[in-house]
Amino acid sequence: MKVKGFTLMELSIVLCLIALAIAASIVVYAGARGSARRTICLSNLKSLGMAMQMYSQDNDGWFPPSLGLDALDTYVKNREVFRCPAASRHRDVPGEFATDYIYRPGLTNEDPAGELLAADDEPRHQRGANMLAVDGAARWQPASRWRLFVAQTEGRDES
């Protein structure tokens, strides 16, 4: 009587196929996690944009003098909007809190709609950064556009 079962070769092939499937799913999930972080960051910037719009309505059209809690605390319910989930380290605002965004003060809601108001403090989303315009529109921009914004905002060129 012959005993039926798997040979060593058949077991090896099945294990290799399972390992390939696991490796492929890890790559897919890593990309999805990055996209999710980018989307949350974009949502946070959009929320900050709404808070700044409300601030400007209460202050003769002027946006806050800084991106600090002192200016936006009444308009922001969740302080996590100042953070990007993809950031490995957070930018410290002296004496206040940590944020992951750069802010360009001195603008009003009368400035051109496409004028950039805030952005990620570094291009960390798929070789680009999320950026917020005066009209409240938040969108991803390539790193070259981010560098121009940083140069205008901080008076230095980021490489």
C-alpha atoms as a PDB file:
ATOM      1  CA  MET A   1       0.000   0.000   0.000  1.00  0.00           C
ATOM      2  CA  LYS A   2       1.391   3.429  -1.031  1.00  0.00           C
ATOM      3  CA  VAL A   3       1.151   6.338   1.461  1.00  0.00           C
ATOM      4  CA  LYS A   4       0.015   9.583  -0.166  1.00  0.00           C
ATOM      5  CA  GLY A   5       1.506  12.904   0.960  1.00  0.00           C
ATOM      6  CA  PHE A   6       3.524  15.908  -0.136  1.00  0.00           C
ATOM      7  CA  THR A   7       7.074  15.617  -1.314  1.00  0.00           C
ATOM      8  CA  LEU A   8       9.789  17.874  -0.028  1.00  0.00           C
ATOM      9  CA  MET A   9       9.858  19.684  -3.393  1.00  0.00           C
ATOM     10  CA  GLU A  10       6.116  20.402  -3.295  1.00  0.00           C
ATOM     11  CA  LEU A  11       6.353  21.752   0.259  1.00  0.00           C
ATOM     12  CA  SER A  12       9.287  23.991  -0.723  1.00  0.00           C
ATOM     13  CA  ILE A  13       7.365  25.439  -3.660  1.00  0.00           C
ATOM     14  CA  VAL A  14       4.295  26.160  -1.522  1.00  0.00           C
ATOM     15  CA  LEU A  15       6.423  27.869   1.144  1.00  0.00           C
ATOM     16  CA  CYS A  16       8.166  29.996  -1.513  1.00  0.00           C
ATOM     17  CA  LEU A  17       4.808  31.078  -2.948  1.00  0.00           C
ATOM     18  CA  ILE A  18       3.549  32.031   0.512  1.00  0.00           C
ATOM     19  CA  ALA A  19       6.748  34.036   1.194  1.00  0.00           C
ATOM     20  CA  LEU A  20       6.345  35.888  -2.136  1.00  0.00           C
ATOM     21  CA  ALA A  21       2.719  36.730  -1.329  1.00  0.00           C
ATOM     22  CA  ILE A  22       3.708  38.072   2.101  1.00  0.00           C
ATOM     23  CA  ALA A  23       6.545  40.164   0.625  1.00  0.00           C
ATOM     24  CA  ALA A  24       4.235  41.651  -2.009  1.00  0.00           C
ATOM     25  CA  SER A  25       1.567  42.532   0.578  1.00  0.00           C
ATOM     26  CA  ILE A  26       4.147  44.250   2.820  1.00  0.00           C
ATOM     27  CA  VAL A  27       5.151  46.531  -0.067  1.00  0.00           C
ATOM     28  CA  VAL A  28       1.505  47.339  -0.856  1.00  0.00           C
ATOM     29  CA  TYR A  29       0.664  48.085   2.799  1.00  0.00           C
ATOM     30  CA  ALA A  30       3.724  50.315   3.227  1.00  0.00           C
ATOM     31  CA  GLY A  31       2.621  52.429   0.250  1.00  0.00           C
ATOM     32  CA  ALA A  32      -0.940  52.603   1.569  1.00  0.00           C
ATOM     33  CA  ARG A  33       0.321  53.709   4.992  1.00  0.00           C
ATOM     34  CA  GLY A  34       2.338  56.523   3.359  1.00  0.00           C
ATOM     35  CA  SER A  35      -0.714  57.650   1.390  1.00  0.00           C
ATOM     36  CA  ALA A  36      -2.824  57.610   4.544  1.00  0.00           C
ATOM     37  CA  ARG A  37      -0.298  59.785   6.388  1.00  0.00           C
ATOM     38  CA  ARG A  38      -0.204  62.228   3.471  1.00  0.00           C
ATOM     39  CA  THR A  39      -4.013  62.441   3.514  1.00  0.00           C
ATOM     40  CA  ILE A  40      -4.159  63.036   7.283  1.00  0.00           C
ATOM     41  CA  CYS A  41      -1.496  65.742   6.951  1.00  0.00           C
ATOM     42  CA  LEU A  42      -3.509  67.386   4.162  1.00  0.00           C
ATOM     43  CA  SER A  43      -6.614  67.269   6.364  1.00  0.00           C
ATOM     44  CA  ASN A  44      -4.668  68.853   9.250  1.00  0.00           C
ATOM     45  CA  LEU A  45      -3.510  71.701   7.001  1.00  0.00           C
ATOM     46  CA  LYS A  46      -7.069  72.196   5.770  1.00  0.00           C
ATOM     47  CA  SER A  47      -8.261  72.420   9.401  1.00  0.00           C
ATOM     48  CA  LEU A  48      -5.547  74.965  10.189  1.00  0.00           C
ATOM     49  CA  GLY A  49      -6.652  76.900   7.116  1.00  0.00           C
ATOM     50  CA  MET A  50     -10.237  77.025   8.404  1.00  0.00           C
ATOM     51  CA  ALA A  51      -9.020  78.165  11.835  1.00  0.00           C
ATOM     52  CA  MET A  52      -6.942  80.913  10.183  1.00  0.00           C
ATOM     53  CA  GLN A  53      -9.945  81.991   8.082  1.00  0.00           C
ATOM     54  CA  MET A  54     -12.057  82.307  11.247  1.00  0.00           C
ATOM     55  CA  TYR A  55      -9.238  84.244  12.930  1.00  0.00           C
ATOM     56  CA  SER A  56      -9.036  86.616   9.945  1.00  0.00           C
ATOM     57  CA  GLN A  57     -12.791  87.264  10.061  1.00  0.00           C
ATOM     58  CA  ASP A  58     -12.428  88.335  13.688  1.00  0.00           C
ATOM     59  CA  ASN A  59      -9.314  90.477  13.015  1.00  0.00           C
ATOM     60  CA  ASP A  60     -10.096  92.776  10.067  1.00  0.00           C
ATOM     61  CA  GLY A  61      -8.980  90.240   7.443  1.00  0.00           C
ATOM     62  CA  TRP A  62      -5.500  89.650   8.884  1.00  0.00           C
ATOM     63  CA  PHE A  63      -4.187  86.147   9.430  1.00  0.00           C
ATOM     64  CA  PRO A  64      -2.500  85.417  12.788  1.00  0.00           C
ATOM     65  CA  PRO A  65       0.949  86.885  13.448  1.00  0.00           C
ATOM     66  CA  SER A  66       2.262  83.340  14.063  1.00  0.00           C
ATOM     67  CA  LEU A  67       1.139  79.741  13.813  1.00  0.00           C
ATOM     68  CA  GLY A  68       1.057  79.482  17.604  1.00  0.00           C
ATOM     69  CA  LEU A  69      -1.583  78.248  19.963  1.00  0.00           C
ATOM     70  CA  ASP A  70      -1.844  81.730  21.437  1.00  0.00           C
ATOM     71  CA  ALA A  71      -3.501  82.931  18.234  1.00  0.00           C
ATOM     72  CA  LEU A  72      -5.469  79.869  17.147  1.00  0.00           C
ATOM     73  CA  ASP A  73      -6.376  78.132  20.408  1.00  0.00           C
ATOM     74  CA  THR A  74      -9.976  79.382  20.323  1.00  0.00           C
ATOM     75  CA  TYR A  75     -10.403  78.157  16.742  1.00  0.00           C
ATOM     76  CA  VAL A  76      -8.698  74.753  17.014  1.00  0.00           C
ATOM     77  CA  LYS A  77     -10.365  71.961  18.979  1.00  0.00           C
ATOM     78  CA  ASN A  78      -7.674  69.310  18.463  1.00  0.00           C
ATOM     79  CA  ARG A  79      -4.053  70.384  18.855  1.00  0.00           C
ATOM     80  CA  GLU A  80      -2.922  67.408  16.788  1.00  0.00           C
ATOM     81  CA  VAL A  81      -3.707  69.481  13.672  1.00  0.00           C
ATOM     82  CA  PHE A  82      -0.322  71.126  14.217  1.00  0.00           C
ATOM     83  CA  ARG A  83       1.361  67.760  13.625  1.00  0.00           C
ATOM     84  CA  CYS A  84       2.052  65.734  10.500  1.00  0.00           C
ATOM     85  CA  PRO A  85       1.768  61.977  11.096  1.00  0.00           C
ATOM     86  CA  ALA A  86       4.671  61.349   8.698  1.00  0.00           C
ATOM     87  CA  ALA A  87       7.096  63.527  10.669  1.00  0.00           C
ATOM     88  CA  SER A  88       9.799  61.690  12.555  1.00  0.00           C
ATOM     89  CA  ARG A  89      10.701  64.799  14.556  1.00  0.00           C
ATOM     90  CA  HIS A  90       8.679  67.902  15.341  1.00  0.00           C
ATOM     91  CA  ARG A  91       9.661  71.527  14.830  1.00  0.00           C
ATOM     92  CA  ASP A  92       9.693  73.448  18.114  1.00  0.00           C
ATOM     93  CA  VAL A  93       8.159  76.899  18.335  1.00  0.00           C
ATOM     94  CA  PRO A  94      10.057  78.675  21.149  1.00  0.00           C
ATOM     95  CA  GLY A  95       8.099  78.733  24.387  1.00  0.00           C
ATOM     96  CA  GLU A  96       4.949  77.238  22.884  1.00  0.00           C
ATOM     97  CA  PHE A  97       4.628  73.783  21.359  1.00  0.00           C
ATOM     98  CA  ALA A  98       5.809  71.570  18.538  1.00  0.00           C
ATOM     99  CA  THR A  99       4.488  71.881  14.995  1.00  0.00           C
ATOM    100  CA  ASP A 100       5.353  70.314  11.670  1.00  0.00           C
ATOM    101  CA  TYR A 101       4.341  73.247   9.506  1.00  0.00           C
ATOM    102  CA  ILE A 102       5.940  76.465   8.319  1.00  0.00           C
ATOM    103  CA  TYR A 103       3.755  79.568   8.388  1.00  0.00           C
ATOM    104  CA  ARG A 104       4.100  82.791   6.414  1.00  0.00           C
ATOM    105  CA  PRO A 105       2.800  85.689   8.555  1.00  0.00           C
ATOM    106  CA  GLY A 106       1.753  89.096   7.285  1.00  0.00           C
ATOM    107  CA  LEU A 107      -0.905  88.001   4.807  1.00  0.00           C
ATOM    108  CA  THR A 108      -4.597  88.894   4.729  1.00  0.00           C
ATOM    109  CA  ASN A 109      -7.629  87.207   3.254  1.00  0.00           C
ATOM    110  CA  GLU A 110      -7.487  89.907   0.542  1.00  0.00           C
ATOM    111  CA  ASP A 111      -4.221  88.495  -0.862  1.00  0.00           C
ATOM    112  CA  PRO A 112      -4.470  86.447  -4.088  1.00  0.00           C
ATOM    113  CA  ALA A 113      -6.269  83.128  -3.532  1.00  0.00           C
ATOM    114  CA  GLY A 114      -3.306  81.016  -4.657  1.00  0.00           C
ATOM    115  CA  GLU A 115      -0.785  82.766  -2.386  1.00  0.00           C
ATOM    116  CA  LEU A 116       0.775  80.153  -0.120  1.00  0.00           C
ATOM    117  CA  LEU A 117       0.210  80.583   3.605  1.00  0.00           C
ATOM    118  CA  ALA A 118       1.565  77.395   5.240  1.00  0.00           C
ATOM    119  CA  ALA A 119       3.288  74.134   4.339  1.00  0.00           C
ATOM    120  CA  ASP A 120       5.024  71.062   5.713  1.00  0.00           C
ATOM    121  CA  ASP A 121       8.342  71.991   7.315  1.00  0.00           C
ATOM    122  CA  GLU A 122      10.072  69.576   4.933  1.00  0.00           C
ATOM    123  CA  PRO A 123       9.044  67.725   1.756  1.00  0.00           C
ATOM    124  CA  ARG A 124       8.213  64.374   3.333  1.00  0.00           C
ATOM    125  CA  HIS A 125       5.335  63.150   1.151  1.00  0.00           C
ATOM    126  CA  GLN A 126       6.451  61.317  -1.985  1.00  0.00           C
ATOM    127  CA  ARG A 127       9.122  63.891  -2.909  1.00  0.00           C
ATOM    128  CA  GLY A 128       6.839  66.813  -2.191  1.00  0.00           C
ATOM    129  CA  ALA A 129       4.953  68.630   0.548  1.00  0.00           C
ATOM    130  CA  ASN A 130       1.401  69.536   1.446  1.00  0.00           C
ATOM    131  CA  MET A 131       0.788  73.270   1.170  1.00  0.00           C
ATOM    132  CA  LEU A 132      -2.038  75.627   2.187  1.00  0.00           C
ATOM    133  CA  ALA A 133      -3.133  78.679   0.189  1.00  0.00           C
ATOM    134  CA  VAL A 134      -4.793  81.887   1.428  1.00  0.00           C
ATOM    135  CA  ASP A 135      -8.194  80.752   0.136  1.00  0.00           C
ATOM    136  CA  GLY A 136      -8.007  77.599   2.295  1.00  0.00           C
ATOM    137  CA  ALA A 137      -7.146  75.206  -0.515  1.00  0.00           C
ATOM    138  CA  ALA A 138      -4.671  72.547   0.599  1.00  0.00           C
ATOM    139  CA  ARG A 139      -2.838  70.393  -1.917  1.00  0.00           C
ATOM    140  CA  TRP A 140       0.332  68.439  -2.505  1.00  0.00           C
ATOM    141  CA  GLN A 141       3.114  70.308  -4.330  1.00  0.00           C
ATOM    142  CA  PRO A 142       6.477  69.071  -5.629  1.00  0.00           C
ATOM    143  CA  ALA A 143       9.622  69.752  -3.588  1.00  0.00           C
ATOM    144  CA  SER A 144      10.735  72.509  -6.013  1.00  0.00           C
ATOM    145  CA  ARG A 145       7.582  74.546  -5.225  1.00  0.00           C
ATOM    146  CA  TRP A 146       8.111  73.910  -1.512  1.00  0.00           C
ATOM    147  CA  ARG A 147      11.689  75.289  -1.752  1.00  0.00           C
ATOM    148  CA  LEU A 148      10.365  78.534  -3.267  1.00  0.00           C
ATOM    149  CA  PHE A 149       7.865  78.887  -0.424  1.00  0.00           C
ATOM    150  CA  VAL A 150      10.566  78.315   2.195  1.00  0.00           C
ATOM    151  CA  ALA A 151      12.829  80.876   0.524  1.00  0.00           C
ATOM    152  CA  GLN A 152       9.995  83.459   0.609  1.00  0.00           C
ATOM    153  CA  THR A 153       8.985  82.609   4.164  1.00  0.00           C
ATOM    154  CA  GLU A 154      12.260  82.212   5.979  1.00  0.00           C
ATOM    155  CA  GLY A 155      14.540  84.203   3.687  1.00  0.00           C
ATOM    156  CA  ARG A 156      16.805  81.240   3.094  1.00  0.00           C
ATOM    157  CA  ASP A 157      17.119  78.569   0.446  1.00  0.00           C
ATOM    158  CA  GLU A 158      16.462  74.975   1.541  1.00  0.00           C
ATOM    159  CA  SER A 159      18.194  72.230  -0.418  1.00  0.00           C
END
